[in-house]
Amino acid sequence: MEKKDIIDIYIDNEKKIEPSPYLNKRIMTSIQSHKLSLRHKFAIAASIIVVIASGILLGTQIANDTNEMYALNINDSNIENLHMYESVIE
């Protein structure tokens, strides 16, 4: 049996399935029962405004700091003490 035949049989079997006649009504009832209150809508709008404002603020600070160069110097001499691990293994 070829791959195309298997796919055609699967599609034919899916077409034979009859949906429930009350499925649409149950879905619409579920959607309508989950309405947001005014307090929730305000909280969502306020959080979106805070995120956008903080993004703009951070963006302007980064744009103003482009003339300054920052460097991070780390003394990693203590990290590279591999002789301590070699003595434990032996």
Protein backbone atom coordinates (compact mmCIF):
# COMPACT_ATOMS: atom_id res chain seq x y z
CA MET A 1 0.00 0.00 0.00
CA GLU A 2 1.42 3.34 -1.01
CA LYS A 3 1.64 6.41 1.11
CA LYS A 4 -0.89 8.21 -1.10
CA ASP A 5 -3.44 5.40 -0.60
CA ILE A 6 -3.04 5.54 3.18
CA ILE A 7 -3.60 9.30 3.14
CA ASP A 8 -6.69 8.95 0.94
CA ILE A 9 -8.17 6.30 3.25
CA TYR A 10 -7.54 8.52 6.29
CA ILE A 11 -9.19 11.52 4.61
CA ASP A 12 -12.22 9.42 3.60
CA ASN A 13 -12.60 8.15 7.17
CA GLU A 14 -12.41 11.72 8.52
CA LYS A 15 -15.11 12.86 6.07
CA LYS A 16 -17.46 10.15 7.33
CA ILE A 17 -17.40 11.49 10.92
CA GLU A 18 -20.57 13.43 11.71
CA PRO A 19 -20.20 16.41 14.08
CA SER A 20 -22.51 16.82 17.02
CA PRO A 21 -25.50 19.02 16.13
CA TYR A 22 -25.16 20.89 19.45
CA LEU A 23 -21.42 21.51 19.18
CA ASN A 24 -21.81 25.07 17.87
CA LYS A 25 -24.25 26.00 20.64
CA ARG A 26 -21.96 24.61 23.37
CA ILE A 27 -18.94 26.48 22.01
CA MET A 28 -20.80 29.79 21.76
CA THR A 29 -22.21 29.38 25.29
CA SER A 30 -18.72 28.72 26.63
CA ILE A 31 -17.33 31.81 24.89
CA GLN A 32 -20.12 34.07 26.11
CA SER A 33 -19.82 32.87 29.71
CA HIS A 34 -16.11 33.87 29.88
CA LYS A 35 -16.48 37.61 29.41
CA LEU A 36 -13.93 39.82 31.15
CA SER A 37 -15.01 42.33 33.75
CA LEU A 38 -14.16 46.00 33.45
CA ARG A 39 -11.49 45.62 36.13
CA HIS A 40 -9.71 42.89 34.15
CA LYS A 41 -9.87 44.90 30.94
CA PHE A 42 -8.37 47.91 32.73
CA ALA A 43 -5.58 45.77 34.21
CA ILE A 44 -4.69 44.35 30.80
CA ALA A 45 -4.67 47.80 29.20
CA ALA A 46 -2.56 49.25 32.01
CA SER A 47 0.01 46.45 31.80
CA ILE A 48 0.33 46.92 28.03
CA ILE A 49 0.87 50.66 28.53
CA VAL A 50 3.53 50.00 31.19
CA VAL A 51 5.38 47.56 28.92
CA ILE A 52 5.33 49.97 25.97
CA ALA A 53 6.43 52.93 28.10
CA SER A 54 9.30 50.98 29.67
CA GLY A 55 10.41 49.81 26.21
CA ILE A 56 10.46 53.38 24.93
CA LEU A 57 12.32 54.57 28.03
CA LEU A 58 14.97 51.86 27.73
CA GLY A 59 15.30 52.50 24.01
CA THR A 60 15.95 56.20 24.51
CA GLN A 61 18.51 55.50 27.24
CA ILE A 62 20.40 53.11 24.99
CA ALA A 63 20.25 55.58 22.11
CA ASN A 64 21.73 58.30 24.35
CA ASP A 65 24.55 56.03 25.58
CA THR A 66 25.89 55.05 22.15
CA ASN A 67 28.87 57.42 22.46
CA GLU A 68 30.16 55.69 25.58
CA MET A 69 31.88 52.33 25.39
CA TYR A 70 31.59 49.86 28.23
CA ALA A 71 33.97 47.01 28.92
CA LEU A 72 33.74 44.16 31.34
CA ASN A 73 37.05 43.02 32.76
CA ILE A 74 37.05 39.74 34.63
CA ASN A 75 40.04 38.30 36.42
CA ASP A 76 39.63 34.62 35.66
CA SER A 77 42.93 33.44 37.10
CA ASN A 78 41.10 31.70 39.95
CA ILE A 79 38.78 29.93 37.55
CA GLU A 80 41.66 28.36 35.63
CA ASN A 81 43.25 26.54 38.57
CA LEU A 82 42.97 23.13 36.95
CA HIS A 83 45.81 21.70 39.02
CA MET A 84 43.40 21.52 41.96
CA TYR A 85 41.17 19.11 40.03
CA GLU A 86 44.11 17.03 38.81
CA SER A 87 45.29 16.34 42.34
CA VAL A 88 41.82 15.08 43.36
CA ILE A 89 41.60 12.65 40.43
CA GLU A 90 44.99 10.99 41.10
